[in-house]
């Protein structure tokens, strides 16, 4: 083989390897599909802080991961539990967050359960497929208390010493009719970052990610922004069953959770340094 053919063969091999590496994220398989975590979690029902269901949900999340950190705190005599799973790697960290409590009279399938299921599947996947970048999974408690008091994320942000590249909050992302517009507060503070995230989302599902601001939402990202953490909210707020007794598992779909999981994997394994 002459030098030209050798170099060409080596180049082709390199290109092939890069193609394989780039395609890996969408094919990563977790121990459980997000929908399997979702249906199991939804069987718990309401997860109102201070109730038995709340403790059952806490224990479900803890037992679904290996050695998570539990950060407990109390507000007006009620105990709350933030749960963190941290994966080592290069700093600064990236984070994905979801709240796991539910409001009174609301089973919280999409409102809480969808985000939890995605984070649990991501934990499964990262255990089996480590990435070079440090990743934190943040399960916030007390988001649905009162008029969105954001107790868990406020507690986390006030005590946070970690340098984060970004934290993405996932909320109500399992709707059968999934359509995610840009959230106004996120776009106000981090417009270029939001645009970049939606570009990636549209590569995965152009019919789902709509690059237009539609709502300004008070969600856990507000707590993080107030404490100087770059954070945005990914939420499908056009969900008629929000905060009602009809927010049940049958209103959500495996396809929507699969779409969102492929989107998250793309961020974690392909473009964590936005």
Protein backbone atom coordinates (compact mmCIF):
# COMPACT_ATOMS: atom_id res chain seq x y z
CA UNK A 1 0.00 0.00 0.00
CA UNK A 2 1.50 3.36 -1.00
CA UNK A 3 1.51 6.35 1.38
CA UNK A 4 -1.51 8.00 -0.27
CA UNK A 5 -3.68 4.88 0.03
CA UNK A 6 -2.51 4.37 3.62
CA UNK A 7 -3.41 7.93 4.62
CA UNK A 8 -6.75 7.73 2.81
CA UNK A 9 -7.59 4.47 4.58
CA UNK A 10 -6.60 5.97 7.92
CA UNK A 11 -8.74 9.04 7.23
CA UNK A 12 -11.75 6.93 6.26
CA UNK A 13 -11.34 4.91 9.43
CA UNK A 14 -11.25 8.11 11.49
CA UNK A 15 -14.37 9.46 9.80
CA UNK A 16 -16.17 6.17 10.43
CA UNK A 17 -15.18 6.27 14.09
CA UNK A 18 -16.45 9.83 14.45
CA UNK A 19 -19.75 8.92 12.82
CA UNK A 20 -20.15 6.00 15.22
CA UNK A 21 -19.37 8.18 18.25
CA UNK A 22 -21.78 10.89 17.16
CA UNK A 23 -24.57 8.37 16.65
CA UNK A 24 -24.12 6.67 20.02
CA UNK A 25 -26.31 9.01 22.14
CA UNK A 26 -29.58 8.22 20.42
CA UNK A 27 -28.93 4.50 20.84
CA UNK A 28 -27.85 4.44 24.48
CA UNK A 29 -30.02 2.07 26.44
CA UNK A 30 -30.77 2.62 30.12
CA UNK A 31 -31.71 -0.14 32.54
CA UNK A 32 -35.29 1.08 32.24
CA UNK A 33 -37.05 3.18 29.64
CA UNK A 34 -38.34 6.48 31.09
CA UNK A 35 -41.91 5.26 30.59
CA UNK A 36 -41.26 2.25 32.82
CA UNK A 37 -39.98 4.51 35.60
CA UNK A 38 -42.93 6.80 34.91
CA UNK A 39 -45.65 4.19 35.29
CA UNK A 40 -44.08 2.78 38.45
CA UNK A 41 -43.74 6.23 40.00
CA UNK A 42 -47.28 7.23 39.10
CA UNK A 43 -48.68 4.24 40.99
CA UNK A 44 -47.74 6.06 44.20
CA UNK A 45 -50.38 8.71 43.56
CA UNK A 46 -50.29 12.05 45.35
CA UNK A 47 -46.94 13.13 46.81
CA UNK A 48 -48.00 16.03 49.00
CA UNK A 49 -45.30 16.98 51.53
CA UNK A 50 -46.13 15.75 55.00
CA UNK A 51 -48.14 12.74 53.81
CA UNK A 52 -47.40 9.03 53.59
CA UNK A 53 -47.38 9.20 49.78
CA UNK A 54 -44.65 11.81 49.96
CA UNK A 55 -42.40 9.45 51.94
CA UNK A 56 -43.14 6.54 49.61
CA UNK A 57 -42.16 8.69 46.61
CA UNK A 58 -38.97 9.82 48.36
CA UNK A 59 -37.98 6.22 49.04
CA UNK A 60 -38.83 5.21 45.45
CA UNK A 61 -36.43 7.79 44.02
CA UNK A 62 -33.67 6.98 46.50
CA UNK A 63 -33.92 3.23 45.90
CA UNK A 64 -33.88 3.73 42.11
CA UNK A 65 -30.31 5.08 42.13
CA UNK A 66 -27.00 4.02 43.60
CA UNK A 67 -25.88 6.10 46.59
CA UNK A 68 -27.78 9.34 46.01
CA UNK A 69 -27.39 12.27 48.40
CA UNK A 70 -30.45 13.24 50.47
CA UNK A 71 -30.60 16.86 51.61
CA UNK A 72 -33.39 17.22 54.17
CA UNK A 73 -34.75 20.51 55.51
CA UNK A 74 -37.82 21.71 57.34
CA UNK A 75 -40.21 24.59 56.67
CA UNK A 76 -42.95 25.40 59.20
CA UNK A 77 -42.71 21.94 60.70
CA UNK A 78 -42.94 20.00 57.42
CA UNK A 79 -39.96 17.96 56.27
CA UNK A 80 -38.74 18.21 52.70
CA UNK A 81 -36.14 16.16 50.86
CA UNK A 82 -34.00 17.22 47.92
CA UNK A 83 -32.29 14.24 46.33
CA UNK A 84 -29.09 14.62 44.31
CA UNK A 85 -27.17 12.16 42.19
CA UNK A 86 -23.75 13.42 41.15
CA UNK A 87 -21.58 11.86 38.45
CA UNK A 88 -17.86 12.73 38.39
CA UNK A 89 -16.11 14.35 35.45
CA UNK A 90 -14.66 17.54 34.12
CA UNK A 91 -15.90 20.78 35.66
CA UNK A 92 -17.92 22.92 35.38
CA UNK A 93 -20.88 20.63 35.92
CA UNK A 94 -24.10 20.50 33.99
CA UNK A 95 -27.34 19.72 35.76
CA UNK A 96 -30.82 18.42 35.03
CA UNK A 97 -33.57 19.09 37.55
CA UNK A 98 -37.16 18.10 38.17
CA UNK A 99 -39.51 18.44 41.13
CA UNK A 100 -40.98 15.26 42.59
CA UNK A 101 -43.73 16.48 44.92
CA UNK A 102 -47.34 17.03 43.87
CA UNK A 103 -50.11 19.42 44.83
CA UNK A 104 -53.12 18.52 46.95
CA UNK A 105 -55.73 16.64 44.92
CA UNK A 106 -53.35 16.16 41.99
CA UNK A 107 -51.67 12.81 41.20
CA UNK A 108 -48.92 14.77 39.42
CA UNK A 109 -48.23 12.33 36.60
CA UNK A 110 -47.03 14.87 34.06
CA UNK A 111 -46.51 17.61 36.65
CA UNK A 112 -43.51 16.10 38.36
CA UNK A 113 -43.65 12.46 37.35
CA UNK A 114 -42.48 13.01 33.78
CA UNK A 115 -39.34 14.88 34.84
CA UNK A 116 -38.55 12.35 37.56
CA UNK A 117 -38.75 9.46 35.11
CA UNK A 118 -36.34 11.13 32.70
CA UNK A 119 -33.81 11.80 35.44
CA UNK A 120 -34.01 8.23 36.73
CA UNK A 121 -33.39 6.84 33.24
CA UNK A 122 -30.50 9.24 32.80
CA UNK A 123 -29.05 7.98 36.08
CA UNK A 124 -29.31 4.40 34.79
CA UNK A 125 -27.61 5.38 31.56
CA UNK A 126 -24.77 7.36 33.13
CA UNK A 127 -23.98 4.44 35.44
CA UNK A 128 -23.44 2.23 32.39
CA UNK A 129 -22.09 4.85 29.98
CA UNK A 130 -19.95 7.40 31.86
CA UNK A 131 -19.31 10.72 30.19
CA UNK A 132 -16.15 12.79 30.60
CA UNK A 133 -18.20 15.75 31.84
CA UNK A 134 -19.56 16.08 35.38
CA UNK A 135 -23.35 15.73 35.53
CA UNK A 136 -25.73 16.37 38.43
CA UNK A 137 -29.30 15.11 38.64
CA UNK A 138 -31.37 17.23 41.00
CA UNK A 139 -34.73 16.09 42.36
CA UNK A 140 -36.33 19.11 44.05
CA UNK A 141 -39.02 18.85 46.70
CA UNK A 142 -41.61 21.45 47.64
CA UNK A 143 -42.15 23.02 44.22
CA UNK A 144 -45.92 22.56 44.26
CA UNK A 145 -46.48 23.83 47.82
CA UNK A 146 -48.97 26.70 47.83
CA UNK A 147 -48.63 28.95 44.79
CA UNK A 148 -45.39 27.41 43.54
CA UNK A 149 -43.27 28.23 46.59
CA UNK A 150 -40.21 26.56 45.01
CA UNK A 151 -38.97 25.48 48.43
CA UNK A 152 -36.57 22.77 47.28
CA UNK A 153 -34.88 24.75 44.54
CA UNK A 154 -34.60 27.80 46.82
CA UNK A 155 -32.94 25.70 49.49
CA UNK A 156 -30.57 24.19 46.94
CA UNK A 157 -29.65 27.50 45.33
CA UNK A 158 -29.09 29.29 48.63
CA UNK A 159 -26.59 26.62 49.70
CA UNK A 160 -25.02 25.91 46.32
CA UNK A 161 -21.23 26.17 46.11
CA UNK A 162 -20.90 24.27 42.84
CA UNK A 163 -19.86 25.98 39.62
CA UNK A 164 -22.46 24.98 37.03
CA UNK A 165 -22.22 25.55 33.31
CA UNK A 166 -26.01 25.28 33.27
CA UNK A 167 -28.98 23.56 34.90
CA UNK A 168 -32.01 22.63 32.81
CA UNK A 169 -35.32 22.25 34.64
CA UNK A 170 -37.71 19.69 33.13
CA UNK A 171 -41.39 19.99 34.00
CA UNK A 172 -44.54 18.63 32.35
CA UNK A 173 -42.76 17.06 29.39
CA UNK A 174 -44.72 13.81 29.00
CA UNK A 175 -47.96 15.12 27.48
CA UNK A 176 -49.31 13.01 24.61
CA UNK A 177 -49.67 16.21 22.58
CA UNK A 178 -46.17 17.43 23.35
CA UNK A 179 -45.28 20.92 22.16
CA UNK A 180 -42.63 22.97 23.94
CA UNK A 181 -42.38 26.71 23.41
CA UNK A 182 -39.55 28.81 24.81
CA UNK A 183 -40.24 30.02 28.35
CA UNK A 184 -40.16 33.80 28.73
CA UNK A 185 -37.98 34.19 31.83
CA UNK A 186 -35.44 31.75 30.43
CA UNK A 187 -35.27 33.66 27.14
CA UNK A 188 -35.10 37.01 28.93
CA UNK A 189 -31.99 36.12 30.94
CA UNK A 190 -30.27 33.67 28.57
CA UNK A 191 -31.54 34.29 25.02
CA UNK A 192 -28.57 32.81 23.14
CA UNK A 193 -28.52 29.73 25.36
CA UNK A 194 -32.25 29.16 24.90
CA UNK A 195 -31.90 29.48 21.12
CA UNK A 196 -29.06 26.95 21.14
CA UNK A 197 -31.09 24.49 23.21
CA UNK A 198 -34.08 24.80 20.91
CA UNK A 199 -31.89 24.26 17.86
CA UNK A 200 -30.75 20.96 19.36
CA UNK A 201 -34.33 20.09 20.28
CA UNK A 202 -35.49 20.73 16.74
CA UNK A 203 -32.83 18.38 15.43
CA UNK A 204 -34.45 15.66 17.55
CA UNK A 205 -38.11 16.63 17.14
CA UNK A 206 -38.88 19.75 15.05
CA UNK A 207 -42.61 19.30 15.64
CA UNK A 208 -42.11 19.46 19.42
CA UNK A 209 -39.65 22.32 19.99
CA UNK A 210 -41.16 25.62 18.89
CA UNK A 211 -38.63 28.51 18.94
CA UNK A 212 -41.14 31.15 20.08
CA UNK A 213 -41.79 32.52 23.57
CA UNK A 214 -45.33 31.80 24.71
CA UNK A 215 -45.43 31.86 28.52
CA UNK A 216 -43.58 33.32 31.50
CA UNK A 217 -43.53 30.55 34.11
CA UNK A 218 -42.67 30.58 37.80
CA UNK A 219 -40.78 27.32 38.14
CA UNK A 220 -37.64 26.00 39.85
CA UNK A 221 -35.36 27.77 37.38
CA UNK A 222 -36.39 31.11 38.94
CA UNK A 223 -34.76 30.13 42.24
CA UNK A 224 -31.56 29.18 40.45
CA UNK A 225 -31.42 32.34 38.35
CA UNK A 226 -31.83 34.50 41.46
CA UNK A 227 -28.67 32.94 42.88
CA UNK A 228 -26.64 33.46 39.71
CA UNK A 229 -26.96 29.98 38.19
CA UNK A 230 -27.56 29.81 34.45
CA UNK A 231 -30.81 27.89 34.30
CA UNK A 232 -33.76 27.57 31.94
CA UNK A 233 -37.14 25.87 32.05
CA UNK A 234 -38.30 23.31 29.51
CA UNK A 235 -42.03 22.91 30.01
CA UNK A 236 -45.16 22.15 27.99
CA UNK A 237 -47.60 24.48 29.71
CA UNK A 238 -50.42 23.77 27.26
CA UNK A 239 -51.54 20.86 29.40
CA UNK A 240 -55.22 21.11 30.40
CA UNK A 241 -54.90 18.63 33.27
CA UNK A 242 -52.25 20.62 35.16
CA UNK A 243 -52.99 20.83 38.90
CA UNK A 244 -56.14 18.72 38.61
CA UNK A 245 -57.18 15.20 39.59
CA UNK A 246 -56.98 14.28 35.90
CA UNK A 247 -53.19 14.62 35.70
CA UNK A 248 -52.83 10.86 35.44
CA UNK A 249 -50.46 8.52 33.62
CA UNK A 250 -52.88 7.89 30.75
CA UNK A 251 -52.61 11.56 29.73
CA UNK A 252 -48.94 11.02 28.90
CA UNK A 253 -47.15 8.85 26.36
CA UNK A 254 -44.11 6.66 25.93
CA UNK A 255 -43.35 8.49 22.68
CA UNK A 256 -43.16 11.91 24.34
CA UNK A 257 -40.86 10.63 27.08
CA UNK A 258 -38.72 8.88 24.48
CA UNK A 259 -38.39 12.12 22.51
CA UNK A 260 -37.34 14.05 25.59
CA UNK A 261 -34.90 11.36 26.64
CA UNK A 262 -33.18 11.39 23.24
CA UNK A 263 -32.96 15.17 23.54
CA UNK A 264 -31.31 14.93 26.99
CA UNK A 265 -28.88 12.26 25.81
CA UNK A 266 -27.86 14.52 22.95
CA UNK A 267 -27.02 17.28 25.43
CA UNK A 268 -25.14 15.01 27.83
CA UNK A 269 -23.10 13.00 25.34
CA UNK A 270 -22.74 15.34 22.39
CA UNK A 271 -22.93 18.99 23.45
CA UNK A 272 -22.57 19.50 27.20
CA UNK A 273 -20.50 22.67 26.78
CA UNK A 274 -23.00 25.13 25.34
